[in-house]
Amino acid sequence: VVVYQGCDTAFQISDKGSLDEEVCKRYALPHRYILSVGSI
């Protein structure tokens, strides 16, 4: 039986908030970036 997996509800469209700004500073994220997630 095929049962798809969903993803955590933490991932959602949201306006940039204080947490996002904090994370941006912590990792020195660039202004415009392409993202890829997964073991390198």
ModelCIF file with pLDDT and N, C-alpha, C, O atoms, coordinates in Angstrom:
data_MODEL
#
_entry.id   MODEL 
#
_entity.id                         1 
_entity.type                       polymer 
_entity.pdbx_number_of_molecules   1 
#
_entity_poly.entity_id                      1 
_entity_poly.type                           'polypeptide(L)' 
_entity_poly.nstd_linkage                   no 
_entity_poly.nstd_monomer                   no 
_entity_poly.pdbx_seq_one_letter_code       VVVYQGCDTAFQISDKGSLDEEVCKRYALPHRYILSVGSI 
_entity_poly.pdbx_seq_one_letter_code_can   VVVYQGCDTAFQISDKGSLDEEVCKRYALPHRYILSVGSI 
_entity_poly.pdbx_strand_id                 A 
#
loop_
_entity_poly_seq.entity_id 
_entity_poly_seq.num 
_entity_poly_seq.mon_id 
_entity_poly_seq.hetero 
1 1  VAL n 
1 2  VAL n 
1 3  VAL n 
1 4  TYR n 
1 5  GLN n 
1 6  GLY n 
1 7  CYS n 
1 8  ASP n 
1 9  THR n 
1 10 ALA n 
1 11 PHE n 
1 12 GLN n 
1 13 ILE n 
1 14 SER n 
1 15 ASP n 
1 16 LYS n 
1 17 GLY n 
1 18 SER n 
1 19 LEU n 
1 20 ASP n 
1 21 GLU n 
1 22 GLU n 
1 23 VAL n 
1 24 CYS n 
1 25 LYS n 
1 26 ARG n 
1 27 TYR n 
1 28 ALA n 
1 29 LEU n 
1 30 PRO n 
1 31 HIS n 
1 32 ARG n 
1 33 TYR n 
1 34 ILE n 
1 35 LEU n 
1 36 SER n 
1 37 VAL n 
1 38 GLY n 
1 39 SER n 
1 40 ILE n 
#
_struct_asym.id          A 
_struct_asym.entity_id   1 
#
loop_
_ma_qa_metric.id 
_ma_qa_metric.mode 
_ma_qa_metric.name 
_ma_qa_metric.software_group_id 
_ma_qa_metric.type 
1 global pLDDT . pLDDT 
2 local  pLDDT . pLDDT 
#
_ma_qa_metric_global.metric_id      1 
_ma_qa_metric_global.metric_value   89.85 
_ma_qa_metric_global.model_id       1 
_ma_qa_metric_global.ordinal_id     1 
#
loop_
_ma_qa_metric_local.label_asym_id 
_ma_qa_metric_local.label_comp_id 
_ma_qa_metric_local.label_seq_id 
_ma_qa_metric_local.metric_id 
_ma_qa_metric_local.metric_value 
_ma_qa_metric_local.model_id 
_ma_qa_metric_local.ordinal_id 
A VAL 1  2 98.00 1 1  
A VAL 2  2 97.00 1 2  
A VAL 3  2 96.00 1 3  
A TYR 4  2 93.00 1 4  
A GLN 5  2 87.00 1 5  
A GLY 6  2 85.00 1 6  
A CYS 7  2 82.00 1 7  
A ASP 8  2 80.00 1 8  
A THR 9  2 79.00 1 9  
A ALA 10 2 85.00 1 10 
A PHE 11 2 89.00 1 11 
A GLN 12 2 83.00 1 12 
A ILE 13 2 81.00 1 13 
A SER 14 2 78.00 1 14 
A ASP 15 2 72.00 1 15 
A LYS 16 2 70.00 1 16 
A GLY 17 2 75.00 1 17 
A SER 18 2 81.00 1 18 
A LEU 19 2 86.00 1 19 
A ASP 20 2 90.00 1 20 
A GLU 21 2 91.00 1 21 
A GLU 22 2 94.00 1 22 
A VAL 23 2 95.00 1 23 
A CYS 24 2 94.00 1 24 
A LYS 25 2 95.00 1 25 
A ARG 26 2 95.00 1 26 
A TYR 27 2 97.00 1 27 
A ALA 28 2 96.00 1 28 
A LEU 29 2 97.00 1 29 
A PRO 30 2 97.00 1 30 
A HIS 31 2 94.00 1 31 
A ARG 32 2 96.00 1 32 
A TYR 33 2 98.00 1 33 
A ILE 34 2 98.00 1 34 
A LEU 35 2 98.00 1 35 
A SER 36 2 98.00 1 36 
A VAL 37 2 96.00 1 37 
A GLY 38 2 92.00 1 38 
A SER 39 2 91.00 1 39 
A ILE 40 2 95.00 1 40 
#
loop_
_atom_site.group_PDB 
_atom_site.id 
_atom_site.type_symbol 
_atom_site.label_atom_id 
_atom_site.label_alt_id 
_atom_site.label_comp_id 
_atom_site.label_asym_id 
_atom_site.label_entity_id 
_atom_site.label_seq_id 
_atom_site.pdbx_PDB_ins_code 
_atom_site.Cartn_x 
_atom_site.Cartn_y 
_atom_site.Cartn_z 
_atom_site.occupancy 
_atom_site.B_iso_or_equiv 
_atom_site.pdbx_formal_charge 
_atom_site.auth_seq_id 
_atom_site.auth_comp_id 
_atom_site.auth_asym_id 
_atom_site.auth_atom_id 
_atom_site.pdbx_PDB_model_num 
ATOM 1   N N  . VAL A 1 1  ? 0.858  -1.182 0.000  1.00 98.00 ? 1  VAL A N  1 
ATOM 2   C CA . VAL A 1 1  ? 0.000  0.000  0.000  1.00 98.00 ? 1  VAL A CA 1 
ATOM 3   C C  . VAL A 1 1  ? 0.897  1.236  0.000  1.00 98.00 ? 1  VAL A C  1 
ATOM 4   O O  . VAL A 1 1  ? 1.808  1.355  0.820  1.00 98.00 ? 1  VAL A O  1 
ATOM 5   N N  . VAL A 1 2  ? 0.629  2.149  -0.925 1.00 97.00 ? 2  VAL A N  1 
ATOM 6   C CA . VAL A 1 2  ? 1.395  3.399  -0.957 1.00 97.00 ? 2  VAL A CA 1 
ATOM 7   C C  . VAL A 1 2  ? 0.745  4.398  -0.008 1.00 97.00 ? 2  VAL A C  1 
ATOM 8   O O  . VAL A 1 2  ? -0.419 4.764  -0.176 1.00 97.00 ? 2  VAL A O  1 
ATOM 9   N N  . VAL A 1 3  ? 1.505  4.833  0.984  1.00 96.00 ? 3  VAL A N  1 
ATOM 10  C CA . VAL A 1 3  ? 1.057  5.874  1.906  1.00 96.00 ? 3  VAL A CA 1 
ATOM 11  C C  . VAL A 1 3  ? 2.143  6.943  1.911  1.00 96.00 ? 3  VAL A C  1 
ATOM 12  O O  . VAL A 1 3  ? 3.244  6.721  2.414  1.00 96.00 ? 3  VAL A O  1 
ATOM 13  N N  . TYR A 1 4  ? 1.828  8.084  1.356  1.00 93.00 ? 4  TYR A N  1 
ATOM 14  C CA . TYR A 1 4  ? 2.819  9.153  1.287  1.00 93.00 ? 4  TYR A CA 1 
ATOM 15  C C  . TYR A 1 4  ? 3.153  9.680  2.681  1.00 93.00 ? 4  TYR A C  1 
ATOM 16  O O  . TYR A 1 4  ? 2.357  9.584  3.615  1.00 93.00 ? 4  TYR A O  1 
ATOM 17  N N  . GLN A 1 5  ? 4.335  10.228 2.785  1.00 87.00 ? 5  GLN A N  1 
ATOM 18  C CA . GLN A 1 5  ? 4.744  10.909 4.010  1.00 87.00 ? 5  GLN A CA 1 
ATOM 19  C C  . GLN A 1 5  ? 4.534  12.404 3.821  1.00 87.00 ? 5  GLN A C  1 
ATOM 20  O O  . GLN A 1 5  ? 4.827  12.945 2.754  1.00 87.00 ? 5  GLN A O  1 
ATOM 21  N N  . GLY A 1 6  ? 4.034  13.064 4.837  1.00 85.00 ? 6  GLY A N  1 
ATOM 22  C CA . GLY A 1 6  ? 3.934  14.515 4.789  1.00 85.00 ? 6  GLY A CA 1 
ATOM 23  C C  . GLY A 1 6  ? 5.145  15.127 5.464  1.00 85.00 ? 6  GLY A C  1 
ATOM 24  O O  . GLY A 1 6  ? 6.115  14.432 5.768  1.00 85.00 ? 6  GLY A O  1 
ATOM 25  N N  . CYS A 1 7  ? 5.088  16.410 5.693  1.00 82.00 ? 7  CYS A N  1 
ATOM 26  C CA . CYS A 1 7  ? 6.204  17.054 6.391  1.00 82.00 ? 7  CYS A CA 1 
ATOM 27  C C  . CYS A 1 7  ? 5.670  17.801 7.608  1.00 82.00 ? 7  CYS A C  1 
ATOM 28  O O  . CYS A 1 7  ? 4.471  18.051 7.726  1.00 82.00 ? 7  CYS A O  1 
ATOM 29  N N  . ASP A 1 8  ? 6.555  18.139 8.479  1.00 80.00 ? 8  ASP A N  1 
ATOM 30  C CA . ASP A 1 8  ? 6.199  18.774 9.741  1.00 80.00 ? 8  ASP A CA 1 
ATOM 31  C C  . ASP A 1 8  ? 5.469  20.094 9.510  1.00 80.00 ? 8  ASP A C  1 
ATOM 32  O O  . ASP A 1 8  ? 5.776  20.835 8.576  1.00 80.00 ? 8  ASP A O  1 
ATOM 33  N N  . THR A 1 9  ? 4.507  20.370 10.371 1.00 79.00 ? 9  THR A N  1 
ATOM 34  C CA . THR A 1 9  ? 3.733  21.614 10.244 1.00 79.00 ? 9  THR A CA 1 
ATOM 35  C C  . THR A 1 9  ? 4.562  22.862 10.519 1.00 79.00 ? 9  THR A C  1 
ATOM 36  O O  . THR A 1 9  ? 4.096  23.978 10.290 1.00 79.00 ? 9  THR A O  1 
ATOM 37  N N  . ALA A 1 10 ? 5.777  22.683 11.004 1.00 85.00 ? 10 ALA A N  1 
ATOM 38  C CA . ALA A 1 10 ? 6.657  23.839 11.230 1.00 85.00 ? 10 ALA A CA 1 
ATOM 39  C C  . ALA A 1 10 ? 7.004  24.522 9.915  1.00 85.00 ? 10 ALA A C  1 
ATOM 40  O O  . ALA A 1 10 ? 7.330  25.709 9.888  1.00 85.00 ? 10 ALA A O  1 
ATOM 41  N N  . PHE A 1 11 ? 6.932  23.759 8.819  1.00 89.00 ? 11 PHE A N  1 
ATOM 42  C CA . PHE A 1 11 ? 7.217  24.338 7.513  1.00 89.00 ? 11 PHE A CA 1 
ATOM 43  C C  . PHE A 1 11 ? 5.938  24.953 6.965  1.00 89.00 ? 11 PHE A C  1 
ATOM 44  O O  . PHE A 1 11 ? 4.973  24.242 6.683  1.00 89.00 ? 11 PHE A O  1 
ATOM 45  N N  . GLN A 1 12 ? 5.931  26.245 6.817  1.00 83.00 ? 12 GLN A N  1 
ATOM 46  C CA . GLN A 1 12 ? 4.746  26.937 6.333  1.00 83.00 ? 12 GLN A CA 1 
ATOM 47  C C  . GLN A 1 12 ? 5.123  28.318 5.812  1.00 83.00 ? 12 GLN A C  1 
ATOM 48  O O  . GLN A 1 12 ? 6.131  28.907 6.204  1.00 83.00 ? 12 GLN A O  1 
ATOM 49  N N  . ILE A 1 13 ? 4.275  28.810 4.916  1.00 81.00 ? 13 ILE A N  1 
ATOM 50  C CA . ILE A 1 13 ? 4.481  30.166 4.407  1.00 81.00 ? 13 ILE A CA 1 
ATOM 51  C C  . ILE A 1 13 ? 4.264  31.139 5.556  1.00 81.00 ? 13 ILE A C  1 
ATOM 52  O O  . ILE A 1 13 ? 3.275  31.042 6.282  1.00 81.00 ? 13 ILE A O  1 
ATOM 53  N N  . SER A 1 14 ? 5.186  32.074 5.718  1.00 78.00 ? 14 SER A N  1 
ATOM 54  C CA . SER A 1 14 ? 5.076  33.013 6.831  1.00 78.00 ? 14 SER A CA 1 
ATOM 55  C C  . SER A 1 14 ? 5.845  34.283 6.506  1.00 78.00 ? 14 SER A C  1 
ATOM 56  O O  . SER A 1 14 ? 6.854  34.254 5.802  1.00 78.00 ? 14 SER A O  1 
ATOM 57  N N  . ASP A 1 15 ? 5.353  35.396 7.029  1.00 72.00 ? 15 ASP A N  1 
ATOM 58  C CA . ASP A 1 15 ? 6.108  36.638 6.910  1.00 72.00 ? 15 ASP A CA 1 
ATOM 59  C C  . ASP A 1 15 ? 7.376  36.526 7.752  1.00 72.00 ? 15 ASP A C  1 
ATOM 60  O O  . ASP A 1 15 ? 7.405  35.819 8.760  1.00 72.00 ? 15 ASP A O  1 
ATOM 61  N N  . LYS A 1 16 ? 8.401  37.220 7.334  1.00 70.00 ? 16 LYS A N  1 
ATOM 62  C CA . LYS A 1 16 ? 9.663  37.171 8.057  1.00 70.00 ? 16 LYS A CA 1 
ATOM 63  C C  . LYS A 1 16 ? 9.498  37.768 9.445  1.00 70.00 ? 16 LYS A C  1 
ATOM 64  O O  . LYS A 1 16 ? 9.108  38.927 9.590  1.00 70.00 ? 16 LYS A O  1 
ATOM 65  N N  . GLY A 1 17 ? 9.797  36.968 10.465 1.00 75.00 ? 17 GLY A N  1 
ATOM 66  C CA . GLY A 1 17 ? 9.650  37.420 11.845 1.00 75.00 ? 17 GLY A CA 1 
ATOM 67  C C  . GLY A 1 17 ? 10.988 37.502 12.547 1.00 75.00 ? 17 GLY A C  1 
ATOM 68  O O  . GLY A 1 17 ? 12.041 37.370 11.923 1.00 75.00 ? 17 GLY A O  1 
ATOM 69  N N  . SER A 1 18 ? 10.940 37.723 13.852 1.00 81.00 ? 18 SER A N  1 
ATOM 70  C CA . SER A 1 18 ? 12.173 37.896 14.633 1.00 81.00 ? 18 SER A CA 1 
ATOM 71  C C  . SER A 1 18 ? 13.018 36.630 14.639 1.00 81.00 ? 18 SER A C  1 
ATOM 72  O O  . SER A 1 18 ? 14.247 36.705 14.625 1.00 81.00 ? 18 SER A O  1 
ATOM 73  N N  . LEU A 1 19 ? 12.360 35.445 14.659 1.00 86.00 ? 19 LEU A N  1 
ATOM 74  C CA . LEU A 1 19 ? 13.115 34.190 14.635 1.00 86.00 ? 19 LEU A CA 1 
ATOM 75  C C  . LEU A 1 19 ? 13.882 34.059 13.327 1.00 86.00 ? 19 LEU A C  1 
ATOM 76  O O  . LEU A 1 19 ? 15.047 33.660 13.326 1.00 86.00 ? 19 LEU A O  1 
ATOM 77  N N  . ASP A 1 20 ? 13.233 34.395 12.206 1.00 90.00 ? 20 ASP A N  1 
ATOM 78  C CA . ASP A 1 20 ? 13.899 34.321 10.914 1.00 90.00 ? 20 ASP A CA 1 
ATOM 79  C C  . ASP A 1 20 ? 15.114 35.248 10.882 1.00 90.00 ? 20 ASP A C  1 
ATOM 80  O O  . ASP A 1 20 ? 16.174 34.871 10.382 1.00 90.00 ? 20 ASP A O  1 
ATOM 81  N N  . GLU A 1 21 ? 14.959 36.439 11.408 1.00 91.00 ? 21 GLU A N  1 
ATOM 82  C CA . GLU A 1 21 ? 16.071 37.392 11.428 1.00 91.00 ? 21 GLU A CA 1 
ATOM 83  C C  . GLU A 1 21 ? 17.219 36.875 12.294 1.00 91.00 ? 21 GLU A C  1 
ATOM 84  O O  . GLU A 1 21 ? 18.392 37.035 11.956 1.00 91.00 ? 21 GLU A O  1 
ATOM 85  N N  . GLU A 1 22 ? 16.858 36.253 13.412 1.00 94.00 ? 22 GLU A N  1 
ATOM 86  C CA . GLU A 1 22 ? 17.870 35.694 14.318 1.00 94.00 ? 22 GLU A CA 1 
ATOM 87  C C  . GLU A 1 22 ? 18.631 34.568 13.636 1.00 94.00 ? 22 GLU A C  1 
ATOM 88  O O  . GLU A 1 22 ? 19.856 34.491 13.730 1.00 94.00 ? 22 GLU A O  1 
ATOM 89  N N  . VAL A 1 23 ? 17.896 33.689 12.946 1.00 95.00 ? 23 VAL A N  1 
ATOM 90  C CA . VAL A 1 23 ? 18.518 32.572 12.235 1.00 95.00 ? 23 VAL A CA 1 
ATOM 91  C C  . VAL A 1 23 ? 19.407 33.091 11.113 1.00 95.00 ? 23 VAL A C  1 
ATOM 92  O O  . VAL A 1 23 ? 20.498 32.567 10.884 1.00 95.00 ? 23 VAL A O  1 
ATOM 93  N N  . CYS A 1 24 ? 18.943 34.116 10.420 1.00 94.00 ? 24 CYS A N  1 
ATOM 94  C CA . CYS A 1 24 ? 19.716 34.727 9.340  1.00 94.00 ? 24 CYS A CA 1 
ATOM 95  C C  . CYS A 1 24 ? 21.068 35.224 9.845  1.00 94.00 ? 24 CYS A C  1 
ATOM 96  O O  . CYS A 1 24 ? 22.094 35.018 9.196  1.00 94.00 ? 24 CYS A O  1 
ATOM 97  N N  . LYS A 1 25 ? 21.064 35.864 10.981 1.00 95.00 ? 25 LYS A N  1 
ATOM 98  C CA . LYS A 1 25 ? 22.311 36.380 11.558 1.00 95.00 ? 25 LYS A CA 1 
ATOM 99  C C  . LYS A 1 25 ? 23.201 35.246 12.053 1.00 95.00 ? 25 LYS A C  1 
ATOM 100 O O  . LYS A 1 25 ? 24.419 35.282 11.876 1.00 95.00 ? 25 LYS A O  1 
ATOM 101 N N  . ARG A 1 26 ? 22.582 34.232 12.681 1.00 95.00 ? 26 ARG A N  1 
ATOM 102 C CA . ARG A 1 26 ? 23.362 33.138 13.265 1.00 95.00 ? 26 ARG A CA 1 
ATOM 103 C C  . ARG A 1 26 ? 24.180 32.398 12.211 1.00 95.00 ? 26 ARG A C  1 
ATOM 104 O O  . ARG A 1 26 ? 25.323 32.015 12.459 1.00 95.00 ? 26 ARG A O  1 
ATOM 105 N N  . TYR A 1 27 ? 23.586 32.200 11.031 1.00 97.00 ? 27 TYR A N  1 
ATOM 106 C CA . TYR A 1 27 ? 24.265 31.445 9.979  1.00 97.00 ? 27 TYR A CA 1 
ATOM 107 C C  . TYR A 1 27 ? 24.854 32.347 8.896  1.00 97.00 ? 27 TYR A C  1 
ATOM 108 O O  . TYR A 1 27 ? 25.376 31.859 7.894  1.00 97.00 ? 27 TYR A O  1 
ATOM 109 N N  . ALA A 1 28 ? 24.771 33.663 9.099  1.00 96.00 ? 28 ALA A N  1 
ATOM 110 C CA . ALA A 1 28 ? 25.284 34.623 8.106  1.00 96.00 ? 28 ALA A CA 1 
ATOM 111 C C  . ALA A 1 28 ? 24.734 34.307 6.717  1.00 96.00 ? 28 ALA A C  1 
ATOM 112 O O  . ALA A 1 28 ? 25.481 34.225 5.742  1.00 96.00 ? 28 ALA A O  1 
ATOM 113 N N  . LEU A 1 29 ? 23.404 34.132 6.647  1.00 97.00 ? 29 LEU A N  1 
ATOM 114 C CA . LEU A 1 29 ? 22.773 33.779 5.379  1.00 97.00 ? 29 LEU A CA 1 
ATOM 115 C C  . LEU A 1 29 ? 22.880 34.944 4.392  1.00 97.00 ? 29 LEU A C  1 
ATOM 116 O O  . LEU A 1 29 ? 22.711 36.100 4.779  1.00 97.00 ? 29 LEU A O  1 
ATOM 117 N N  . PRO A 1 30 ? 23.161 34.643 3.116  1.00 97.00 ? 30 PRO A N  1 
ATOM 118 C CA . PRO A 1 30 ? 23.245 35.699 2.110  1.00 97.00 ? 30 PRO A CA 1 
ATOM 119 C C  . PRO A 1 30 ? 21.864 36.253 1.772  1.00 97.00 ? 30 PRO A C  1 
ATOM 120 O O  . PRO A 1 30 ? 20.845 35.681 2.160  1.00 97.00 ? 30 PRO A O  1 
ATOM 121 N N  . HIS A 1 31 ? 21.840 37.359 1.055  1.00 94.00 ? 31 HIS A N  1 
ATOM 122 C CA . HIS A 1 31 ? 20.573 38.027 0.738  1.00 94.00 ? 31 HIS A CA 1 
ATOM 123 C C  . HIS A 1 31 ? 19.722 37.218 -0.232 1.00 94.00 ? 31 HIS A C  1 
ATOM 124 O O  . HIS A 1 31 ? 18.517 37.069 -0.026 1.00 94.00 ? 31 HIS A O  1 
ATOM 125 N N  . ARG A 1 32 ? 20.336 36.698 -1.282 1.00 96.00 ? 32 ARG A N  1 
ATOM 126 C CA . ARG A 1 32 ? 19.603 35.882 -2.268 1.00 96.00 ? 32 ARG A CA 1 
ATOM 127 C C  . ARG A 1 32 ? 20.303 34.534 -2.386 1.00 96.00 ? 32 ARG A C  1 
ATOM 128 O O  . ARG A 1 32 ? 21.466 34.455 -2.781 1.00 96.00 ? 32 ARG A O  1 
ATOM 129 N N  . TYR A 1 33 ? 19.575 33.477 -2.038 1.00 98.00 ? 33 TYR A N  1 
ATOM 130 C CA . TYR A 1 33 ? 20.232 32.169 -2.111 1.00 98.00 ? 33 TYR A CA 1 
ATOM 131 C C  . TYR A 1 33 ? 19.296 31.062 -2.568 1.00 98.00 ? 33 TYR A C  1 
ATOM 132 O O  . TYR A 1 33 ? 18.089 31.076 -2.327 1.00 98.00 ? 33 TYR A O  1 
ATOM 133 N N  . ILE A 1 34 ? 19.917 30.108 -3.237 1.00 98.00 ? 34 ILE A N  1 
ATOM 134 C CA . ILE A 1 34 ? 19.288 28.840 -3.605 1.00 98.00 ? 34 ILE A CA 1 
ATOM 135 C C  . ILE A 1 34 ? 19.570 27.889 -2.450 1.00 98.00 ? 34 ILE A C  1 
ATOM 136 O O  . ILE A 1 34 ? 20.689 27.847 -1.939 1.00 98.00 ? 34 ILE A O  1 
ATOM 137 N N  . LEU A 1 35 ? 18.573 27.132 -2.039 1.00 98.00 ? 35 LEU A N  1 
ATOM 138 C CA . LEU A 1 35 ? 18.724 26.220 -0.906 1.00 98.00 ? 35 LEU A CA 1 
ATOM 139 C C  . LEU A 1 35 ? 18.636 24.775 -1.363 1.00 98.00 ? 35 LEU A C  1 
ATOM 140 O O  . LEU A 1 35 ? 17.830 24.437 -2.229 1.00 98.00 ? 35 LEU A O  1 
ATOM 141 N N  . SER A 1 36 ? 19.474 23.917 -0.772 1.00 98.00 ? 36 SER A N  1 
ATOM 142 C CA . SER A 1 36 ? 19.358 22.477 -0.952 1.00 98.00 ? 36 SER A CA 1 
ATOM 143 C C  . SER A 1 36 ? 19.595 21.816 0.400  1.00 98.00 ? 36 SER A C  1 
ATOM 144 O O  . SER A 1 36 ? 20.552 22.152 1.097  1.00 98.00 ? 36 SER A O  1 
ATOM 145 N N  . VAL A 1 37 ? 18.732 20.882 0.772  1.00 96.00 ? 37 VAL A N  1 
ATOM 146 C CA . VAL A 1 37 ? 18.797 20.239 2.086  1.00 96.00 ? 37 VAL A CA 1 
ATOM 147 C C  . VAL A 1 37 ? 18.931 18.731 1.919  1.00 96.00 ? 37 VAL A C  1 
ATOM 148 O O  . VAL A 1 37 ? 18.201 18.115 1.143  1.00 96.00 ? 37 VAL A O  1 
ATOM 149 N N  . GLY A 1 38 ? 19.867 18.148 2.650  1.00 92.00 ? 38 GLY A N  1 
ATOM 150 C CA . GLY A 1 38 ? 20.084 16.707 2.606  1.00 92.00 ? 38 GLY A CA 1 
ATOM 151 C C  . GLY A 1 38 ? 21.563 16.398 2.779  1.00 92.00 ? 38 GLY A C  1 
ATOM 152 O O  . GLY A 1 38 ? 22.406 17.263 2.544  1.00 92.00 ? 38 GLY A O  1 
ATOM 153 N N  . SER A 1 39 ? 21.886 15.184 3.182  1.00 91.00 ? 39 SER A N  1 
ATOM 154 C CA . SER A 1 39 ? 23.289 14.800 3.360  1.00 91.00 ? 39 SER A CA 1 
ATOM 155 C C  . SER A 1 39 ? 24.097 15.160 2.118  1.00 91.00 ? 39 SER A C  1 
ATOM 156 O O  . SER A 1 39 ? 23.654 14.929 0.993  1.00 91.00 ? 39 SER A O  1 
ATOM 157 N N  . ILE A 1 40 ? 25.270 15.721 2.325  1.00 95.00 ? 40 ILE A N  1 
ATOM 158 C CA . ILE A 1 40 ? 26.081 16.163 1.188  1.00 95.00 ? 40 ILE A CA 1 
ATOM 159 C C  . ILE A 1 40 ? 26.927 14.977 0.733  1.00 95.00 ? 40 ILE A C  1 
ATOM 160 O O  . ILE A 1 40 ? 27.700 15.099 -0.217 1.00 95.00 ? 40 ILE A O  1 
#
